[in-house]
């Protein structure tokens, strides 16, 4: 029997213990720069009624981006010609629908929990089902994932087993009426946009077409908003109070996907010299086109933790701001 075996076994057990208790690396965010948008209330009312109705809560996840750039061909001086060039680039994110749904369910539950911890009463759907505001709406507790209407290449996800009213005709939104019908309850709509790539096309190089995609996972400053409406003025119909929580700049979600440039460049074909024939010099150039596709890998666990952290940070800040501004 090997005399060193007990010692080796003890060392091995110690290593296993360390592996079990060692904390995993926490997800981190870039600089959080919140902002306030929209109209400013003329007064600063202090409401006693802390009822809140969540009219909508949607997370829009960018999972795909496709762009093209073109350079026109044509003739130049002395018969020189250049062919047309076109470059296309498609970039997809390797993430599952299950992960996107899990995130949405979790951040919604956290949002409701935060509202309650700050003294708000979150009303359920039954409180609004008989209002005139929703008389032409349908209701569902399991809204399906759909292509986003606000961001190309994104999927809109709602929390499941909750319940939201929706209008298939896409009528306008005026939640002051709903708030009035709910005895001046605060009506909130939340739209969150998570992006992973920015793709741009260019033909400024003079010769050829170029498309560049820059990957970076962020809670986007474009269209992300937590919008609170309270009441309705008798004259004019404006809200008694309004708060719009936004981002001044993208909130980076670090350590989830590789930040890199993905490019597709097509060099234009051109003919400066031509070909001599019995009928003179003939110039010709071919039209060129190229398509490229790339998949950006993402660790599902890191993606989920990072996106949840970014959304929770955004929402908790603006719930606190809304409360401190309008409630006793």
Protein backbone atom coordinates (compact mmCIF):
# COMPACT_ATOMS: atom_id res chain seq x y z
CA UNK A 1 0.00 0.00 0.00
CA UNK A 2 1.26 3.48 -0.85
CA UNK A 3 2.15 5.25 2.43
CA UNK A 4 1.43 8.66 0.85
CA UNK A 5 -2.15 7.73 -0.08
CA UNK A 6 -3.78 9.07 3.13
CA UNK A 7 -1.96 12.40 2.67
CA UNK A 8 -3.01 12.62 -0.99
CA UNK A 9 -6.59 11.77 -0.08
CA UNK A 10 -6.64 14.53 2.55
CA UNK A 11 -5.24 17.09 0.07
CA UNK A 12 -7.78 16.03 -2.56
CA UNK A 13 -10.62 16.39 -0.05
CA UNK A 14 -9.39 19.87 0.91
CA UNK A 15 -9.35 20.94 -2.73
CA UNK A 16 -12.90 19.68 -3.19
CA UNK A 17 -13.98 21.63 -0.11
CA UNK A 18 -12.45 24.82 -1.48
CA UNK A 19 -14.17 24.30 -4.81
CA UNK A 20 -17.50 23.85 -3.05
CA UNK A 21 -17.29 27.00 -0.96
CA UNK A 22 -15.43 29.27 -3.39
CA UNK A 23 -17.79 32.02 -4.56
CA UNK A 24 -18.47 32.34 -8.27
CA UNK A 25 -17.43 35.56 -9.95
CA UNK A 26 -20.20 38.13 -9.60
CA UNK A 27 -21.61 39.86 -12.64
CA UNK A 28 -20.64 43.51 -12.91
CA UNK A 29 -22.07 46.56 -14.62
CA UNK A 30 -20.58 49.63 -16.21
CA UNK A 31 -21.43 53.17 -15.09
CA UNK A 32 -25.12 53.53 -14.23
CA UNK A 33 -26.33 56.87 -15.55
CA UNK A 34 -30.10 57.22 -14.99
CA UNK A 35 -32.12 60.12 -16.30
CA UNK A 36 -35.61 61.60 -16.16
CA UNK A 37 -37.50 62.33 -19.34
CA UNK A 38 -40.79 63.79 -20.43
CA UNK A 39 -42.83 66.72 -19.10
CA UNK A 40 -42.29 68.16 -15.66
CA UNK A 41 -45.29 68.47 -13.37
CA UNK A 42 -46.17 72.06 -12.50
CA UNK A 43 -46.75 70.98 -8.93
CA UNK A 44 -45.27 68.34 -6.65
CA UNK A 45 -48.37 66.64 -5.25
CA UNK A 46 -47.97 64.29 -2.32
CA UNK A 47 -50.41 61.41 -2.75
CA UNK A 48 -51.78 59.24 0.03
CA UNK A 49 -53.15 56.57 -2.30
CA UNK A 50 -50.35 54.09 -2.97
CA UNK A 51 -52.24 51.79 -5.32
CA UNK A 52 -50.24 50.81 -8.41
CA UNK A 53 -51.54 49.09 -11.54
CA UNK A 54 -49.02 47.61 -13.99
CA UNK A 55 -50.52 48.19 -17.43
CA UNK A 56 -47.62 46.55 -19.27
CA UNK A 57 -44.20 45.07 -18.55
CA UNK A 58 -42.15 44.00 -21.57
CA UNK A 59 -38.51 43.13 -22.15
CA UNK A 60 -37.23 43.39 -25.71
CA UNK A 61 -34.17 41.20 -26.28
CA UNK A 62 -32.06 41.82 -29.38
CA UNK A 63 -31.06 38.41 -30.74
CA UNK A 64 -30.24 39.22 -34.36
CA UNK A 65 -28.90 42.05 -36.50
CA UNK A 66 -28.50 42.27 -40.26
CA UNK A 67 -27.20 45.18 -42.30
CA UNK A 68 -26.06 45.78 -45.88
CA UNK A 69 -23.92 48.43 -47.50
CA UNK A 70 -23.69 49.20 -51.22
CA UNK A 71 -21.33 51.11 -53.46
CA UNK A 72 -22.63 52.14 -56.85
CA UNK A 73 -20.61 51.39 -59.93
CA UNK A 74 -20.20 53.69 -62.93
CA UNK A 75 -17.91 55.36 -65.40
CA UNK A 76 -15.18 57.82 -64.57
CA UNK A 77 -12.87 60.07 -66.59
CA UNK A 78 -11.31 58.71 -69.78
CA UNK A 79 -13.61 55.69 -69.82
CA UNK A 80 -12.53 54.21 -66.50
CA UNK A 81 -15.25 52.09 -64.90
CA UNK A 82 -15.97 50.64 -61.46
CA UNK A 83 -18.36 47.80 -60.69
CA UNK A 84 -21.01 47.93 -57.97
CA UNK A 85 -20.20 46.36 -54.60
CA UNK A 86 -22.55 45.09 -51.89
CA UNK A 87 -21.62 43.70 -48.46
CA UNK A 88 -24.10 42.04 -46.09
CA UNK A 89 -23.50 40.96 -42.51
CA UNK A 90 -25.82 38.99 -40.22
CA UNK A 91 -24.99 38.51 -36.52
CA UNK A 92 -26.99 36.29 -34.15
CA UNK A 93 -26.84 35.70 -30.39
CA UNK A 94 -26.69 32.12 -29.13
CA UNK A 95 -29.22 32.29 -26.31
CA UNK A 96 -32.33 30.21 -25.64
CA UNK A 97 -35.94 31.35 -25.39
CA UNK A 98 -36.10 29.60 -22.01
CA UNK A 99 -33.37 31.86 -20.64
CA UNK A 100 -35.15 34.99 -21.93
CA UNK A 101 -38.40 33.89 -20.30
CA UNK A 102 -36.69 33.07 -17.00
CA UNK A 103 -35.11 36.53 -16.88
CA UNK A 104 -38.40 38.26 -17.65
CA UNK A 105 -40.30 36.34 -14.98
CA UNK A 106 -37.59 37.03 -12.39
CA UNK A 107 -37.21 40.79 -13.01
CA UNK A 108 -40.98 41.24 -12.98
CA UNK A 109 -41.26 39.43 -9.65
CA UNK A 110 -38.42 41.58 -8.28
CA UNK A 111 -40.15 44.73 -9.55
CA UNK A 112 -43.42 43.84 -7.80
CA UNK A 113 -41.54 42.91 -4.64
CA UNK A 114 -39.71 46.25 -4.65
CA UNK A 115 -42.94 48.20 -5.09
CA UNK A 116 -44.49 46.36 -2.14
CA UNK A 117 -41.40 46.88 0.03
CA UNK A 118 -41.77 50.62 -0.55
CA UNK A 119 -45.35 50.59 0.68
CA UNK A 120 -47.22 50.36 -2.64
CA UNK A 121 -50.22 48.12 -3.16
CA UNK A 122 -49.89 46.32 -6.50
CA UNK A 123 -53.38 45.79 -7.90
CA UNK A 124 -54.30 42.64 -9.81
CA UNK A 125 -55.97 42.46 -13.21
CA UNK A 126 -59.46 41.96 -11.77
CA UNK A 127 -59.40 45.54 -10.49
CA UNK A 128 -59.35 46.87 -14.06
CA UNK A 129 -61.26 44.29 -16.11
CA UNK A 130 -64.54 46.26 -16.05
CA UNK A 131 -63.08 49.66 -16.89
CA UNK A 132 -64.10 51.52 -20.05
CA UNK A 133 -60.41 51.83 -20.88
CA UNK A 134 -60.11 48.08 -21.45
CA UNK A 135 -63.55 47.42 -22.99
CA UNK A 136 -62.06 46.58 -26.42
CA UNK A 137 -59.07 44.71 -25.04
CA UNK A 138 -58.38 41.00 -24.64
CA UNK A 139 -56.68 39.43 -21.63
CA UNK A 140 -54.01 36.76 -21.38
CA UNK A 141 -51.88 35.28 -18.63
CA UNK A 142 -49.46 33.78 -21.16
CA UNK A 143 -48.63 36.27 -23.89
CA UNK A 144 -46.46 34.63 -26.53
CA UNK A 145 -43.04 35.88 -27.55
CA UNK A 146 -43.32 38.08 -30.64
CA UNK A 147 -40.96 40.09 -32.88
CA UNK A 148 -40.44 43.47 -31.28
CA UNK A 149 -42.31 46.39 -32.83
CA UNK A 150 -39.76 48.87 -31.50
CA UNK A 151 -36.42 47.21 -32.33
CA UNK A 152 -35.56 45.20 -35.44
CA UNK A 153 -34.05 41.81 -34.63
CA UNK A 154 -35.49 41.73 -31.10
CA UNK A 155 -38.01 39.48 -29.35
CA UNK A 156 -40.62 40.92 -26.99
CA UNK A 157 -41.16 38.84 -23.85
CA UNK A 158 -43.81 39.28 -21.14
CA UNK A 159 -43.82 37.59 -17.73
CA UNK A 160 -45.93 34.45 -17.69
CA UNK A 161 -48.76 33.51 -15.33
CA UNK A 162 -49.34 37.17 -14.51
CA UNK A 163 -51.92 38.55 -16.94
CA UNK A 164 -52.04 41.63 -19.15
CA UNK A 165 -54.68 43.29 -21.29
CA UNK A 166 -53.77 43.73 -24.94
CA UNK A 167 -55.33 45.23 -28.07
CA UNK A 168 -54.62 43.47 -31.35
CA UNK A 169 -55.48 46.64 -33.29
CA UNK A 170 -52.69 48.49 -31.51
CA UNK A 171 -54.73 51.53 -30.46
CA UNK A 172 -53.09 54.54 -28.84
CA UNK A 173 -52.12 54.60 -25.18
CA UNK A 174 -53.60 57.16 -22.79
CA UNK A 175 -53.23 55.75 -19.31
CA UNK A 176 -54.46 58.95 -17.64
CA UNK A 177 -57.98 57.67 -18.37
CA UNK A 178 -57.18 54.32 -16.80
CA UNK A 179 -55.68 55.96 -13.72
CA UNK A 180 -58.78 58.10 -13.31
CA UNK A 181 -61.02 55.04 -13.50
CA UNK A 182 -58.85 53.34 -10.88
CA UNK A 183 -59.33 56.24 -8.43
CA UNK A 184 -55.97 57.84 -9.22
CA UNK A 185 -53.91 54.69 -8.86
CA UNK A 186 -50.44 55.02 -10.37
CA UNK A 187 -50.44 53.28 -13.76
CA UNK A 188 -47.05 52.07 -14.87
CA UNK A 189 -45.74 50.83 -18.20
CA UNK A 190 -42.26 49.31 -18.37
CA UNK A 191 -40.31 48.78 -21.60
CA UNK A 192 -36.77 47.41 -21.32
CA UNK A 193 -34.42 46.92 -24.26
CA UNK A 194 -31.42 44.57 -24.02
CA UNK A 195 -29.01 44.85 -26.97
CA UNK A 196 -25.88 42.88 -27.82
CA UNK A 197 -24.61 44.36 -31.08
CA UNK A 198 -24.56 47.58 -33.08
CA UNK A 199 -24.20 47.11 -36.84
CA UNK A 200 -23.45 49.85 -39.34
CA UNK A 201 -22.87 49.90 -43.06
CA UNK A 202 -20.55 52.30 -44.86
CA UNK A 203 -19.27 53.10 -48.35
CA UNK A 204 -17.12 56.07 -47.33
CA UNK A 205 -13.90 54.24 -48.14
CA UNK A 206 -14.24 55.42 -51.75
CA UNK A 207 -13.88 51.98 -53.28
CA UNK A 208 -16.03 49.14 -51.98
CA UNK A 209 -18.70 48.52 -49.35
CA UNK A 210 -18.17 47.76 -45.69
CA UNK A 211 -20.34 46.54 -42.79
CA UNK A 212 -19.05 46.57 -39.20
CA UNK A 213 -20.73 44.97 -36.17
CA UNK A 214 -19.54 45.84 -32.64
CA UNK A 215 -20.66 43.40 -29.94
CA UNK A 216 -21.40 44.67 -26.43
CA UNK A 217 -24.17 43.50 -24.10
CA UNK A 218 -26.09 46.47 -22.65
CA UNK A 219 -29.36 47.64 -21.22
CA UNK A 220 -29.96 50.12 -24.01
CA UNK A 221 -30.61 53.81 -23.49
CA UNK A 222 -32.84 53.71 -26.59
CA UNK A 223 -36.53 53.18 -25.71
CA UNK A 224 -35.89 51.80 -22.21
CA UNK A 225 -38.36 53.48 -19.86
CA UNK A 226 -40.33 53.09 -16.64
CA UNK A 227 -43.33 55.37 -17.10
CA UNK A 228 -45.62 56.28 -14.19
CA UNK A 229 -48.92 58.19 -14.60
CA UNK A 230 -51.15 59.31 -11.71
CA UNK A 231 -54.65 60.73 -12.18
CA UNK A 232 -56.14 63.03 -14.79
CA UNK A 233 -56.78 66.76 -14.68
CA UNK A 234 -60.39 67.78 -15.33
CA UNK A 235 -59.26 70.45 -17.77
CA UNK A 236 -57.00 69.33 -20.60
CA UNK A 237 -56.75 65.71 -19.54
CA UNK A 238 -53.08 65.87 -18.52
CA UNK A 239 -51.94 63.66 -15.63
CA UNK A 240 -51.89 64.93 -12.07
CA UNK A 241 -48.36 63.53 -11.87
CA UNK A 242 -46.01 61.92 -14.35
CA UNK A 243 -42.58 60.34 -14.01
CA UNK A 244 -40.48 58.90 -16.83
CA UNK A 245 -37.41 56.96 -15.75
CA UNK A 246 -34.82 56.52 -18.50
CA UNK A 247 -31.09 55.99 -19.08
CA UNK A 248 -28.75 58.77 -20.16
CA UNK A 249 -26.45 56.21 -21.74
CA UNK A 250 -26.25 52.44 -22.26
CA UNK A 251 -25.69 50.40 -19.11
CA UNK A 252 -22.90 47.94 -19.92
CA UNK A 253 -23.28 44.35 -18.73
CA UNK A 254 -19.70 43.16 -18.39
CA UNK A 255 -18.15 39.72 -18.65
CA UNK A 256 -20.94 38.00 -20.58
CA UNK A 257 -20.07 38.15 -24.28
CA UNK A 258 -16.81 38.88 -26.05
CA UNK A 259 -16.58 42.49 -27.17
CA UNK A 260 -15.25 42.50 -30.72
CA UNK A 261 -15.60 43.89 -34.24
CA UNK A 262 -17.04 41.67 -36.94
CA UNK A 263 -16.62 43.04 -40.47
CA UNK A 264 -17.48 42.23 -44.06
CA UNK A 265 -15.75 44.31 -46.73
CA UNK A 266 -16.24 44.00 -50.47
CA UNK A 267 -13.67 45.71 -52.66
CA UNK A 268 -15.09 47.15 -55.88
CA UNK A 269 -13.81 45.77 -59.15
CA UNK A 270 -12.47 48.54 -61.38
CA UNK A 271 -10.72 48.93 -64.73
CA UNK A 272 -8.35 51.84 -65.18
CA UNK A 273 -6.48 50.60 -68.25
CA UNK A 274 -9.06 48.96 -70.42
CA UNK A 275 -8.51 46.43 -73.21
CA UNK A 276 -7.42 47.50 -76.70
CA UNK A 277 -9.57 46.15 -79.53
CA UNK A 278 -9.96 46.89 -83.22
CA UNK A 279 -12.79 49.17 -82.26
CA UNK A 280 -10.87 51.08 -79.57
CA UNK A 281 -10.26 50.62 -75.85
CA UNK A 282 -12.98 48.75 -73.96
CA UNK A 283 -13.41 49.14 -70.20
CA UNK A 284 -15.31 46.63 -68.05
CA UNK A 285 -15.75 45.81 -64.35
CA UNK A 286 -17.75 43.15 -62.54
CA UNK A 287 -20.38 43.75 -59.88
CA UNK A 288 -19.42 42.03 -56.62
CA UNK A 289 -21.45 40.96 -53.60
CA UNK A 290 -20.67 39.08 -50.40
CA UNK A 291 -22.74 37.87 -47.45
CA UNK A 292 -21.35 36.89 -44.07
CA UNK A 293 -22.98 35.41 -40.98
CA UNK A 294 -21.64 35.12 -37.43
CA UNK A 295 -22.95 33.67 -34.17
CA UNK A 296 -21.98 35.31 -30.87
CA UNK A 297 -21.81 32.71 -28.06
CA UNK A 298 -23.19 33.58 -24.63
CA UNK A 299 -23.03 31.65 -21.37
CA UNK A 300 -26.70 31.32 -20.37
CA UNK A 301 -26.06 31.62 -16.62
CA UNK A 302 -23.85 34.70 -16.97
CA UNK A 303 -26.29 36.27 -19.43
CA UNK A 304 -29.21 35.74 -17.07
CA UNK A 305 -27.44 37.07 -13.98
CA UNK A 306 -26.00 40.06 -15.82
CA UNK A 307 -29.25 41.13 -17.48
CA UNK A 308 -31.21 40.67 -14.24
CA UNK A 309 -28.70 42.83 -12.38
CA UNK A 310 -28.91 45.62 -14.96
CA UNK A 311 -32.72 45.65 -15.04
CA UNK A 312 -33.06 45.46 -11.24
CA UNK A 313 -30.60 48.36 -10.86
CA UNK A 314 -32.57 50.48 -13.34
CA UNK A 315 -36.03 49.74 -11.93
CA UNK A 316 -35.18 50.03 -8.24
CA UNK A 317 -33.62 53.44 -8.81
CA UNK A 318 -36.65 54.81 -10.62
CA UNK A 319 -39.21 53.34 -8.24
CA UNK A 320 -37.40 55.10 -5.40
CA UNK A 321 -37.27 58.37 -7.38
CA UNK A 322 -40.97 58.16 -8.23
CA UNK A 323 -41.91 57.48 -4.63
CA UNK A 324 -39.77 60.24 -3.14
CA UNK A 325 -41.13 62.81 -5.59
CA UNK A 326 -44.86 62.16 -5.29
CA UNK A 327 -45.61 60.32 -2.04
CA UNK A 328 -45.50 61.15 1.63
